[in-house]
């Protein structure tokens, strides 16, 4: 059997694939080696996966993960998986590689991830040819839920946001000004808290200020990422991730303004990864 794992910073998707199709499927919290350590990943695998499929004969594992952009991080993921699956052939790749496969398969295009974080690449059908560094939520991640939340929260806390939206934030989150700052600077995983504000904005999308925040998020992503690629206005651009999926009408408007051709928008890549790897099941 083949085990396919797609992991973002917030959510991980596991599929066990046999010769007759999907044998088992699980969702758990996500993992990113830049934000969590090896013990966190070990505990995640032990508690959320291994006990559920213990006894299954897993021959190959394909892991596509956020933060697997270096050999060190990929090696750590592979070595930790090998503790639970010592006889399996294991390959860890960047989640961007998995996104490109799911979006374009063997065709050329610009693949974009807009979820908790963001990333993009120019894909030639087999390899990533160009990649503009995303830099993570502290220095970049334009287009992501975290970046959108950071912009919105800064405006709310500084008194620059729409008054009705600011009131709605304090009411719905049940946080004071100081408690909100504590969530960012003193509590773990501030990127995940920030990304929840994308859901808040989606709930209030009839408000023009919220729509402008979403538009700015996408415009900044185009400016910092898409526009850097060769022939970006004549190459199909496709998206994976909750932010792209839930705000796709605004995304299309912004892309049209930049004369960029929208390919497809999908919420998560697993269907495409299953289709791609189905030919490799023994």
C-alpha atoms as a PDB file:
ATOM      1  CA  UNK A   1       0.000   0.000   0.000  1.00  0.00           C
ATOM      2  CA  UNK A   2       0.950   3.637  -0.499  1.00  0.00           C
ATOM      3  CA  UNK A   3       0.549   6.243   2.237  1.00  0.00           C
ATOM      4  CA  UNK A   4       0.127   9.792   0.924  1.00  0.00           C
ATOM      5  CA  UNK A   5       0.463  12.650   3.395  1.00  0.00           C
ATOM      6  CA  UNK A   6      -0.304  16.277   2.595  1.00  0.00           C
ATOM      7  CA  UNK A   7       0.514  18.515   5.545  1.00  0.00           C
ATOM      8  CA  UNK A   8       0.098  22.237   5.901  1.00  0.00           C
ATOM      9  CA  UNK A   9       0.928  24.198   9.036  1.00  0.00           C
ATOM     10  CA  UNK A  10      -2.637  23.862  10.322  1.00  0.00           C
ATOM     11  CA  UNK A  11      -4.036  20.609   8.924  1.00  0.00           C
ATOM     12  CA  UNK A  12      -2.672  17.281   7.656  1.00  0.00           C
ATOM     13  CA  UNK A  13      -4.468  14.880   5.301  1.00  0.00           C
ATOM     14  CA  UNK A  14      -3.545  11.175   5.270  1.00  0.00           C
ATOM     15  CA  UNK A  15      -4.696   8.702   2.611  1.00  0.00           C
ATOM     16  CA  UNK A  16      -3.867   4.998   2.516  1.00  0.00           C
ATOM     17  CA  UNK A  17      -4.043   3.874  -1.099  1.00  0.00           C
ATOM     18  CA  UNK A  18      -4.311   0.250  -2.192  1.00  0.00           C
ATOM     19  CA  UNK A  19      -4.762  -1.475  -5.542  1.00  0.00           C
ATOM     20  CA  UNK A  20      -8.553  -1.081  -5.210  1.00  0.00           C
ATOM     21  CA  UNK A  21      -8.402   2.609  -4.368  1.00  0.00           C
ATOM     22  CA  UNK A  22      -8.525   4.493  -1.077  1.00  0.00           C
ATOM     23  CA  UNK A  23      -8.403   2.108   1.881  1.00  0.00           C
ATOM     24  CA  UNK A  24      -8.432   4.692   4.685  1.00  0.00           C
ATOM     25  CA  UNK A  25      -8.443   8.469   5.077  1.00  0.00           C
ATOM     26  CA  UNK A  26      -7.704  10.679   8.092  1.00  0.00           C
ATOM     27  CA  UNK A  27      -7.462  14.368   8.981  1.00  0.00           C
ATOM     28  CA  UNK A  28      -5.297  15.685  11.817  1.00  0.00           C
ATOM     29  CA  UNK A  29      -3.589  18.859  12.949  1.00  0.00           C
ATOM     30  CA  UNK A  30      -0.747  19.913  10.674  1.00  0.00           C
ATOM     31  CA  UNK A  31       3.015  20.112  10.990  1.00  0.00           C
ATOM     32  CA  UNK A  32       5.689  22.520   9.799  1.00  0.00           C
ATOM     33  CA  UNK A  33       9.328  21.833  10.775  1.00  0.00           C
ATOM     34  CA  UNK A  34      10.018  25.569  10.909  1.00  0.00           C
ATOM     35  CA  UNK A  35       7.430  26.063  13.660  1.00  0.00           C
ATOM     36  CA  UNK A  36       7.465  22.707  15.491  1.00  0.00           C
ATOM     37  CA  UNK A  37      10.212  20.303  16.557  1.00  0.00           C
ATOM     38  CA  UNK A  38      10.788  16.627  15.851  1.00  0.00           C
ATOM     39  CA  UNK A  39       9.074  15.481  19.047  1.00  0.00           C
ATOM     40  CA  UNK A  40       5.898  17.270  17.941  1.00  0.00           C
ATOM     41  CA  UNK A  41       5.978  15.373  14.646  1.00  0.00           C
ATOM     42  CA  UNK A  42       6.666  12.080  16.417  1.00  0.00           C
ATOM     43  CA  UNK A  43       3.693  12.627  18.727  1.00  0.00           C
ATOM     44  CA  UNK A  44       1.470  13.589  15.801  1.00  0.00           C
ATOM     45  CA  UNK A  45       2.339  10.417  13.891  1.00  0.00           C
ATOM     46  CA  UNK A  46       1.953   8.215  16.956  1.00  0.00           C
ATOM     47  CA  UNK A  47      -1.354   9.654  18.151  1.00  0.00           C
ATOM     48  CA  UNK A  48      -3.080  10.616  14.904  1.00  0.00           C
ATOM     49  CA  UNK A  49      -1.878   8.036  12.387  1.00  0.00           C
ATOM     50  CA  UNK A  50       0.127   5.003  13.462  1.00  0.00           C
ATOM     51  CA  UNK A  51      -2.368   3.555  15.923  1.00  0.00           C
ATOM     52  CA  UNK A  52      -5.088   3.777  13.268  1.00  0.00           C
ATOM     53  CA  UNK A  53      -3.201   1.907  10.555  1.00  0.00           C
ATOM     54  CA  UNK A  54      -0.989  -0.342  12.684  1.00  0.00           C
ATOM     55  CA  UNK A  55      -0.773  -3.736  11.003  1.00  0.00           C
ATOM     56  CA  UNK A  56      -1.273  -2.360   7.496  1.00  0.00           C
ATOM     57  CA  UNK A  57       1.543  -3.151   5.057  1.00  0.00           C
ATOM     58  CA  UNK A  58       2.794   0.260   3.941  1.00  0.00           C
ATOM     59  CA  UNK A  59       5.374  -0.100   1.168  1.00  0.00           C
ATOM     60  CA  UNK A  60       5.835   3.529   0.129  1.00  0.00           C
ATOM     61  CA  UNK A  61       5.177   6.882   1.749  1.00  0.00           C
ATOM     62  CA  UNK A  62       4.923  10.163  -0.138  1.00  0.00           C
ATOM     63  CA  UNK A  63       4.972  13.156   2.190  1.00  0.00           C
ATOM     64  CA  UNK A  64       4.237  16.643   0.843  1.00  0.00           C
ATOM     65  CA  UNK A  65       4.667  19.170   3.609  1.00  0.00           C
ATOM     66  CA  UNK A  66       4.822  22.834   4.477  1.00  0.00           C
ATOM     67  CA  UNK A  67       8.349  23.732   5.542  1.00  0.00           C
ATOM     68  CA  UNK A  68       9.971  20.863   3.620  1.00  0.00           C
ATOM     69  CA  UNK A  69      11.940  23.330   1.544  1.00  0.00           C
ATOM     70  CA  UNK A  70      15.366  22.160   2.720  1.00  0.00           C
ATOM     71  CA  UNK A  71      17.202  18.836   2.765  1.00  0.00           C
ATOM     72  CA  UNK A  72      17.513  19.084   6.547  1.00  0.00           C
ATOM     73  CA  UNK A  73      13.758  19.376   7.074  1.00  0.00           C
ATOM     74  CA  UNK A  74      12.954  16.659   4.526  1.00  0.00           C
ATOM     75  CA  UNK A  75      15.480  14.348   6.179  1.00  0.00           C
ATOM     76  CA  UNK A  76      13.980  14.954   9.614  1.00  0.00           C
ATOM     77  CA  UNK A  77      10.504  14.102   8.307  1.00  0.00           C
ATOM     78  CA  UNK A  78      11.755  10.950   6.557  1.00  0.00           C
ATOM     79  CA  UNK A  79      13.709   9.753   9.600  1.00  0.00           C
ATOM     80  CA  UNK A  80      10.746  10.261  11.929  1.00  0.00           C
ATOM     81  CA  UNK A  81       8.377   8.426   9.591  1.00  0.00           C
ATOM     82  CA  UNK A  82      10.918   5.582   9.391  1.00  0.00           C
ATOM     83  CA  UNK A  83      10.576   5.003  13.137  1.00  0.00           C
ATOM     84  CA  UNK A  84       6.991   3.886  12.565  1.00  0.00           C
ATOM     85  CA  UNK A  85       7.413   2.426   9.072  1.00  0.00           C
ATOM     86  CA  UNK A  86      10.958   0.956   9.001  1.00  0.00           C
ATOM     87  CA  UNK A  87      10.451  -1.178   5.883  1.00  0.00           C
ATOM     88  CA  UNK A  88       8.751   1.499   3.770  1.00  0.00           C
ATOM     89  CA  UNK A  89      10.358   3.540   1.007  1.00  0.00           C
ATOM     90  CA  UNK A  90       9.880   7.147   2.149  1.00  0.00           C
ATOM     91  CA  UNK A  91      10.086  10.363   0.137  1.00  0.00           C
ATOM     92  CA  UNK A  92       9.462  13.797   1.657  1.00  0.00           C
ATOM     93  CA  UNK A  93       8.892  16.738  -0.671  1.00  0.00           C
ATOM     94  CA  UNK A  94       7.852  20.345  -0.304  1.00  0.00           C
ATOM     95  CA  UNK A  95       4.081  20.897  -0.273  1.00  0.00           C
ATOM     96  CA  UNK A  96       4.641  23.126  -3.287  1.00  0.00           C
ATOM     97  CA  UNK A  97       5.716  20.084  -5.289  1.00  0.00           C
ATOM     98  CA  UNK A  98       2.524  18.299  -4.295  1.00  0.00           C
ATOM     99  CA  UNK A  99       0.452  21.357  -5.177  1.00  0.00           C
ATOM    100  CA  UNK A 100       2.016  21.554  -8.640  1.00  0.00           C
ATOM    101  CA  UNK A 101       1.280  17.875  -9.277  1.00  0.00           C
ATOM    102  CA  UNK A 102      -2.319  18.243  -8.088  1.00  0.00           C
ATOM    103  CA  UNK A 103      -2.956  21.410 -10.106  1.00  0.00           C
ATOM    104  CA  UNK A 104      -1.124  20.721 -13.360  1.00  0.00           C
ATOM    105  CA  UNK A 105       0.018  17.099 -13.496  1.00  0.00           C
ATOM    106  CA  UNK A 106       2.273  16.916 -16.549  1.00  0.00           C
ATOM    107  CA  UNK A 107       1.296  20.363 -17.880  1.00  0.00           C
ATOM    108  CA  UNK A 108       3.043  23.713 -17.474  1.00  0.00           C
ATOM    109  CA  UNK A 109       1.717  26.408 -15.174  1.00  0.00           C
ATOM    110  CA  UNK A 110       2.200  28.613 -12.138  1.00  0.00           C
ATOM    111  CA  UNK A 111       1.082  26.742  -9.016  1.00  0.00           C
ATOM    112  CA  UNK A 112       0.095  28.778  -5.959  1.00  0.00           C
ATOM    113  CA  UNK A 113      -0.711  27.837  -2.368  1.00  0.00           C
ATOM    114  CA  UNK A 114      -2.910  30.253  -0.425  1.00  0.00           C
ATOM    115  CA  UNK A 115      -3.758  28.694   2.931  1.00  0.00           C
ATOM    116  CA  UNK A 116      -2.426  29.452   6.397  1.00  0.00           C
ATOM    117  CA  UNK A 117       0.803  30.325   4.568  1.00  0.00           C
ATOM    118  CA  UNK A 118       1.534  30.990   0.900  1.00  0.00           C
ATOM    119  CA  UNK A 119       3.959  29.897  -1.792  1.00  0.00           C
ATOM    120  CA  UNK A 120       4.210  29.555  -5.558  1.00  0.00           C
ATOM    121  CA  UNK A 121       6.317  28.097  -8.347  1.00  0.00           C
ATOM    122  CA  UNK A 122       6.622  27.796 -12.106  1.00  0.00           C
ATOM    123  CA  UNK A 123       6.065  24.111 -12.970  1.00  0.00           C
ATOM    124  CA  UNK A 124       7.129  22.594 -16.301  1.00  0.00           C
ATOM    125  CA  UNK A 125       5.153  19.367 -15.927  1.00  0.00           C
ATOM    126  CA  UNK A 126       7.943  17.491 -14.157  1.00  0.00           C
ATOM    127  CA  UNK A 127      10.014  19.940 -12.138  1.00  0.00           C
ATOM    128  CA  UNK A 128       9.826  23.243 -10.305  1.00  0.00           C
ATOM    129  CA  UNK A 129      11.656  25.597 -12.663  1.00  0.00           C
ATOM    130  CA  UNK A 130      11.320  28.842 -10.704  1.00  0.00           C
ATOM    131  CA  UNK A 131      10.358  29.582  -7.106  1.00  0.00           C
ATOM    132  CA  UNK A 132      10.046  32.991  -5.472  1.00  0.00           C
ATOM    133  CA  UNK A 133      10.861  32.540  -1.749  1.00  0.00           C
ATOM    134  CA  UNK A 134       7.803  33.040   0.452  1.00  0.00           C
ATOM    135  CA  UNK A 135       9.808  34.012   3.606  1.00  0.00           C
ATOM    136  CA  UNK A 136       7.180  32.801   6.100  1.00  0.00           C
ATOM    137  CA  UNK A 137       4.601  34.705   8.116  1.00  0.00           C
ATOM    138  CA  UNK A 138       7.018  37.085   9.838  1.00  0.00           C
ATOM    139  CA  UNK A 139       8.615  38.410   6.641  1.00  0.00           C
ATOM    140  CA  UNK A 140       6.222  37.471   3.855  1.00  0.00           C
ATOM    141  CA  UNK A 141       3.383  35.005   3.173  1.00  0.00           C
ATOM    142  CA  UNK A 142       1.492  37.550   1.095  1.00  0.00           C
ATOM    143  CA  UNK A 143      -1.856  36.157  -0.042  1.00  0.00           C
ATOM    144  CA  UNK A 144      -2.168  33.791   2.913  1.00  0.00           C
ATOM    145  CA  UNK A 145      -4.657  33.637   5.747  1.00  0.00           C
ATOM    146  CA  UNK A 146      -1.935  34.710   8.162  1.00  0.00           C
ATOM    147  CA  UNK A 147      -0.969  37.756   6.083  1.00  0.00           C
ATOM    148  CA  UNK A 148      -4.620  38.728   5.665  1.00  0.00           C
ATOM    149  CA  UNK A 149      -5.213  38.328   9.385  1.00  0.00           C
ATOM    150  CA  UNK A 150      -2.102  40.339  10.233  1.00  0.00           C
ATOM    151  CA  UNK A 151      -3.232  43.253   8.052  1.00  0.00           C
ATOM    152  CA  UNK A 152      -6.775  43.190   9.405  1.00  0.00           C
ATOM    153  CA  UNK A 153      -5.745  42.863  13.043  1.00  0.00           C
ATOM    154  CA  UNK A 154      -3.205  45.685  12.809  1.00  0.00           C
ATOM    155  CA  UNK A 155      -5.915  47.946  11.401  1.00  0.00           C
ATOM    156  CA  UNK A 156      -8.414  46.904  14.081  1.00  0.00           C
ATOM    157  CA  UNK A 157      -5.985  47.448  16.963  1.00  0.00           C
ATOM    158  CA  UNK A 158      -4.720  50.780  15.646  1.00  0.00           C
ATOM    159  CA  UNK A 159      -8.215  52.162  15.103  1.00  0.00           C
ATOM    160  CA  UNK A 160      -7.936  52.256  11.306  1.00  0.00           C
ATOM    161  CA  UNK A 161     -10.502  49.547  10.560  1.00  0.00           C
ATOM    162  CA  UNK A 162     -14.173  50.000   9.824  1.00  0.00           C
ATOM    163  CA  UNK A 163     -15.806  50.767  13.184  1.00  0.00           C
ATOM    164  CA  UNK A 164     -18.475  48.096  12.804  1.00  0.00           C
ATOM    165  CA  UNK A 165     -15.900  45.446  11.953  1.00  0.00           C
ATOM    166  CA  UNK A 166     -13.724  46.407  14.928  1.00  0.00           C
ATOM    167  CA  UNK A 167     -16.712  46.059  17.268  1.00  0.00           C
ATOM    168  CA  UNK A 168     -17.593  42.721  15.693  1.00  0.00           C
ATOM    169  CA  UNK A 169     -14.032  41.470  16.235  1.00  0.00           C
ATOM    170  CA  UNK A 170     -13.973  42.245  19.962  1.00  0.00           C
ATOM    171  CA  UNK A 171     -17.479  40.825  20.369  1.00  0.00           C
ATOM    172  CA  UNK A 172     -16.901  37.582  18.459  1.00  0.00           C
ATOM    173  CA  UNK A 173     -13.386  36.847  19.710  1.00  0.00           C
ATOM    174  CA  UNK A 174     -14.188  37.916  23.286  1.00  0.00           C
ATOM    175  CA  UNK A 175     -10.749  39.462  23.653  1.00  0.00           C
ATOM    176  CA  UNK A 176      -9.635  42.813  25.007  1.00  0.00           C
ATOM    177  CA  UNK A 177      -6.949  44.913  23.325  1.00  0.00           C
ATOM    178  CA  UNK A 178      -4.254  43.629  25.714  1.00  0.00           C
ATOM    179  CA  UNK A 179      -5.451  40.015  25.474  1.00  0.00           C
ATOM    180  CA  UNK A 180      -5.222  40.218  21.694  1.00  0.00           C
ATOM    181  CA  UNK A 181      -1.616  41.416  21.873  1.00  0.00           C
ATOM    182  CA  UNK A 182      -0.858  38.608  24.313  1.00  0.00           C
ATOM    183  CA  UNK A 183      -2.178  36.072  21.774  1.00  0.00           C
ATOM    184  CA  UNK A 184       0.324  37.411  19.242  1.00  0.00           C
ATOM    185  CA  UNK A 185       3.418  37.973  21.365  1.00  0.00           C
ATOM    186  CA  UNK A 186       3.132  35.586  24.324  1.00  0.00           C
ATOM    187  CA  UNK A 187       1.115  32.570  23.209  1.00  0.00           C
ATOM    188  CA  UNK A 188       2.341  29.735  20.940  1.00  0.00           C
ATOM    189  CA  UNK A 189       1.572  29.584  17.220  1.00  0.00           C
ATOM    190  CA  UNK A 190       0.500  33.197  16.566  1.00  0.00           C
ATOM    191  CA  UNK A 191       0.346  32.428  12.835  1.00  0.00           C
ATOM    192  CA  UNK A 192      -2.576  30.085  13.427  1.00  0.00           C
ATOM    193  CA  UNK A 193      -4.424  32.696  15.464  1.00  0.00           C
ATOM    194  CA  UNK A 194      -3.835  35.309  12.775  1.00  0.00           C
ATOM    195  CA  UNK A 195      -5.093  32.975  10.067  1.00  0.00           C
ATOM    196  CA  UNK A 196      -8.436  32.600  11.872  1.00  0.00           C
ATOM    197  CA  UNK A 197      -9.162  36.205  10.978  1.00  0.00           C
ATOM    198  CA  UNK A 198      -9.571  35.138   7.351  1.00  0.00           C
ATOM    199  CA  UNK A 199     -12.673  33.231   8.508  1.00  0.00           C
ATOM    200  CA  UNK A 200     -13.822  36.333  10.365  1.00  0.00           C
ATOM    201  CA  UNK A 201     -13.457  38.440   7.213  1.00  0.00           C
ATOM    202  CA  UNK A 202     -15.273  35.799   5.163  1.00  0.00           C
ATOM    203  CA  UNK A 203     -18.189  36.028   7.589  1.00  0.00           C
ATOM    204  CA  UNK A 204     -18.338  39.792   7.038  1.00  0.00           C
ATOM    205  CA  UNK A 205     -17.545  39.843   3.338  1.00  0.00           C
ATOM    206  CA  UNK A 206     -20.554  42.037   2.577  1.00  0.00           C
ATOM    207  CA  UNK A 207     -18.621  44.854   4.287  1.00  0.00           C
ATOM    208  CA  UNK A 208     -16.614  46.906   1.793  1.00  0.00           C
ATOM    209  CA  UNK A 209     -13.662  47.348   4.162  1.00  0.00           C
ATOM    210  CA  UNK A 210     -13.335  43.569   4.492  1.00  0.00           C
ATOM    211  CA  UNK A 211     -13.472  43.157   0.731  1.00  0.00           C
ATOM    212  CA  UNK A 212     -10.717  45.744   0.326  1.00  0.00           C
ATOM    213  CA  UNK A 213      -8.535  43.864   2.817  1.00  0.00           C
ATOM    214  CA  UNK A 214      -9.023  40.673   0.800  1.00  0.00           C
ATOM    215  CA  UNK A 215      -8.262  42.492  -2.456  1.00  0.00           C
ATOM    216  CA  UNK A 216      -5.067  43.964  -0.985  1.00  0.00           C
ATOM    217  CA  UNK A 217      -4.025  40.502   0.176  1.00  0.00           C
ATOM    218  CA  UNK A 218      -4.284  39.152  -3.375  1.00  0.00           C
ATOM    219  CA  UNK A 219      -2.718  42.238  -4.961  1.00  0.00           C
ATOM    220  CA  UNK A 220       0.289  41.921  -2.661  1.00  0.00           C
ATOM    221  CA  UNK A 221       0.634  38.237  -3.595  1.00  0.00           C
ATOM    222  CA  UNK A 222       0.609  39.097  -7.286  1.00  0.00           C
ATOM    223  CA  UNK A 223       3.163  41.859  -6.746  1.00  0.00           C
ATOM    224  CA  UNK A 224       5.560  39.794  -4.599  1.00  0.00           C
ATOM    225  CA  UNK A 225       5.082  36.363  -6.187  1.00  0.00           C
ATOM    226  CA  UNK A 226       3.205  35.849  -9.463  1.00  0.00           C
ATOM    227  CA  UNK A 227       4.586  38.872 -11.308  1.00  0.00           C
ATOM    228  CA  UNK A 228       8.149  37.604 -10.807  1.00  0.00           C
ATOM    229  CA  UNK A 229       7.675  34.545 -13.037  1.00  0.00           C
ATOM    230  CA  UNK A 230       8.597  34.283 -16.703  1.00  0.00           C
ATOM    231  CA  UNK A 231       5.592  34.928 -18.996  1.00  0.00           C
ATOM    232  CA  UNK A 232       3.224  35.096 -16.025  1.00  0.00           C
ATOM    233  CA  UNK A 233       0.487  36.841 -18.039  1.00  0.00           C
ATOM    234  CA  UNK A 234       0.431  34.111 -20.700  1.00  0.00           C
ATOM    235  CA  UNK A 235       0.842  31.119 -18.372  1.00  0.00           C
ATOM    236  CA  UNK A 236      -2.134  29.483 -16.582  1.00  0.00           C
ATOM    237  CA  UNK A 237      -2.130  30.258 -12.867  1.00  0.00           C
ATOM    238  CA  UNK A 238      -3.909  27.841 -10.520  1.00  0.00           C
ATOM    239  CA  UNK A 239      -4.471  27.860  -6.778  1.00  0.00           C
ATOM    240  CA  UNK A 240      -4.760  25.474  -3.846  1.00  0.00           C
ATOM    241  CA  UNK A 241      -5.795  26.420  -0.331  1.00  0.00           C
ATOM    242  CA  UNK A 242      -8.673  27.642   1.789  1.00  0.00           C
ATOM    243  CA  UNK A 243      -8.035  31.361   1.215  1.00  0.00           C
ATOM    244  CA  UNK A 244      -8.029  31.007  -2.569  1.00  0.00           C
ATOM    245  CA  UNK A 245     -11.031  28.669  -2.443  1.00  0.00           C
ATOM    246  CA  UNK A 246     -13.291  30.733  -0.179  1.00  0.00           C
ATOM    247  CA  UNK A 247     -12.418  34.097  -1.751  1.00  0.00           C
ATOM    248  CA  UNK A 248     -12.142  32.909  -5.355  1.00  0.00           C
ATOM    249  CA  UNK A 249     -14.642  35.432  -6.755  1.00  0.00           C
ATOM    250  CA  UNK A 250     -12.499  38.308  -5.461  1.00  0.00           C
ATOM    251  CA  UNK A 251      -9.341  36.477  -6.519  1.00  0.00           C
ATOM    252  CA  UNK A 252     -10.630  36.240 -10.088  1.00  0.00           C
ATOM    253  CA  UNK A 253     -11.505  39.952 -10.127  1.00  0.00           C
ATOM    254  CA  UNK A 254      -7.991  40.893  -9.018  1.00  0.00           C
ATOM    255  CA  UNK A 255      -6.322  38.508 -11.484  1.00  0.00           C
ATOM    256  CA  UNK A 256      -8.438  39.912 -14.331  1.00  0.00           C
ATOM    257  CA  UNK A 257      -7.288  43.427 -13.438  1.00  0.00           C
ATOM    258  CA  UNK A 258      -3.686  42.229 -13.833  1.00  0.00           C
ATOM    259  CA  UNK A 259      -4.492  40.367 -17.085  1.00  0.00           C
ATOM    260  CA  UNK A 260      -3.586  37.040 -15.500  1.00  0.00           C
ATOM    261  CA  UNK A 261      -5.290  33.853 -16.688  1.00  0.00           C
ATOM    262  CA  UNK A 262      -6.919  31.840 -13.884  1.00  0.00           C
ATOM    263  CA  UNK A 263      -6.676  28.081 -14.322  1.00  0.00           C
ATOM    264  CA  UNK A 264      -8.376  26.239 -11.464  1.00  0.00           C
ATOM    265  CA  UNK A 265      -8.979  26.771  -7.759  1.00  0.00           C
ATOM    266  CA  UNK A 266      -9.195  23.754  -5.444  1.00  0.00           C
ATOM    267  CA  UNK A 267      -9.430  23.585  -1.670  1.00  0.00           C
ATOM    268  CA  UNK A 268      -6.874  20.831  -1.068  1.00  0.00           C
ATOM    269  CA  UNK A 269      -4.532  18.756  -3.253  1.00  0.00           C
ATOM    270  CA  UNK A 270      -5.256  15.203  -2.118  1.00  0.00           C
ATOM    271  CA  UNK A 271      -7.590  14.243  -4.991  1.00  0.00           C
ATOM    272  CA  UNK A 272      -4.915  15.210  -7.499  1.00  0.00           C
ATOM    273  CA  UNK A 273      -2.194  13.413  -5.543  1.00  0.00           C
ATOM    274  CA  UNK A 274      -4.275  10.234  -5.337  1.00  0.00           C
ATOM    275  CA  UNK A 275      -4.884  10.333  -9.092  1.00  0.00           C
ATOM    276  CA  UNK A 276      -1.171  10.887  -9.741  1.00  0.00           C
ATOM    277  CA  UNK A 277       0.004   8.072  -7.475  1.00  0.00           C
ATOM    278  CA  UNK A 278      -2.727   5.588  -8.412  1.00  0.00           C
ATOM    279  CA  UNK A 279      -0.583   4.382 -11.284  1.00  0.00           C
ATOM    280  CA  UNK A 280       2.178   3.516  -8.806  1.00  0.00           C
ATOM    281  CA  UNK A 281       0.151   1.191  -6.562  1.00  0.00           C
ATOM    282  CA  UNK A 282       1.320  -2.442  -6.480  1.00  0.00           C
END
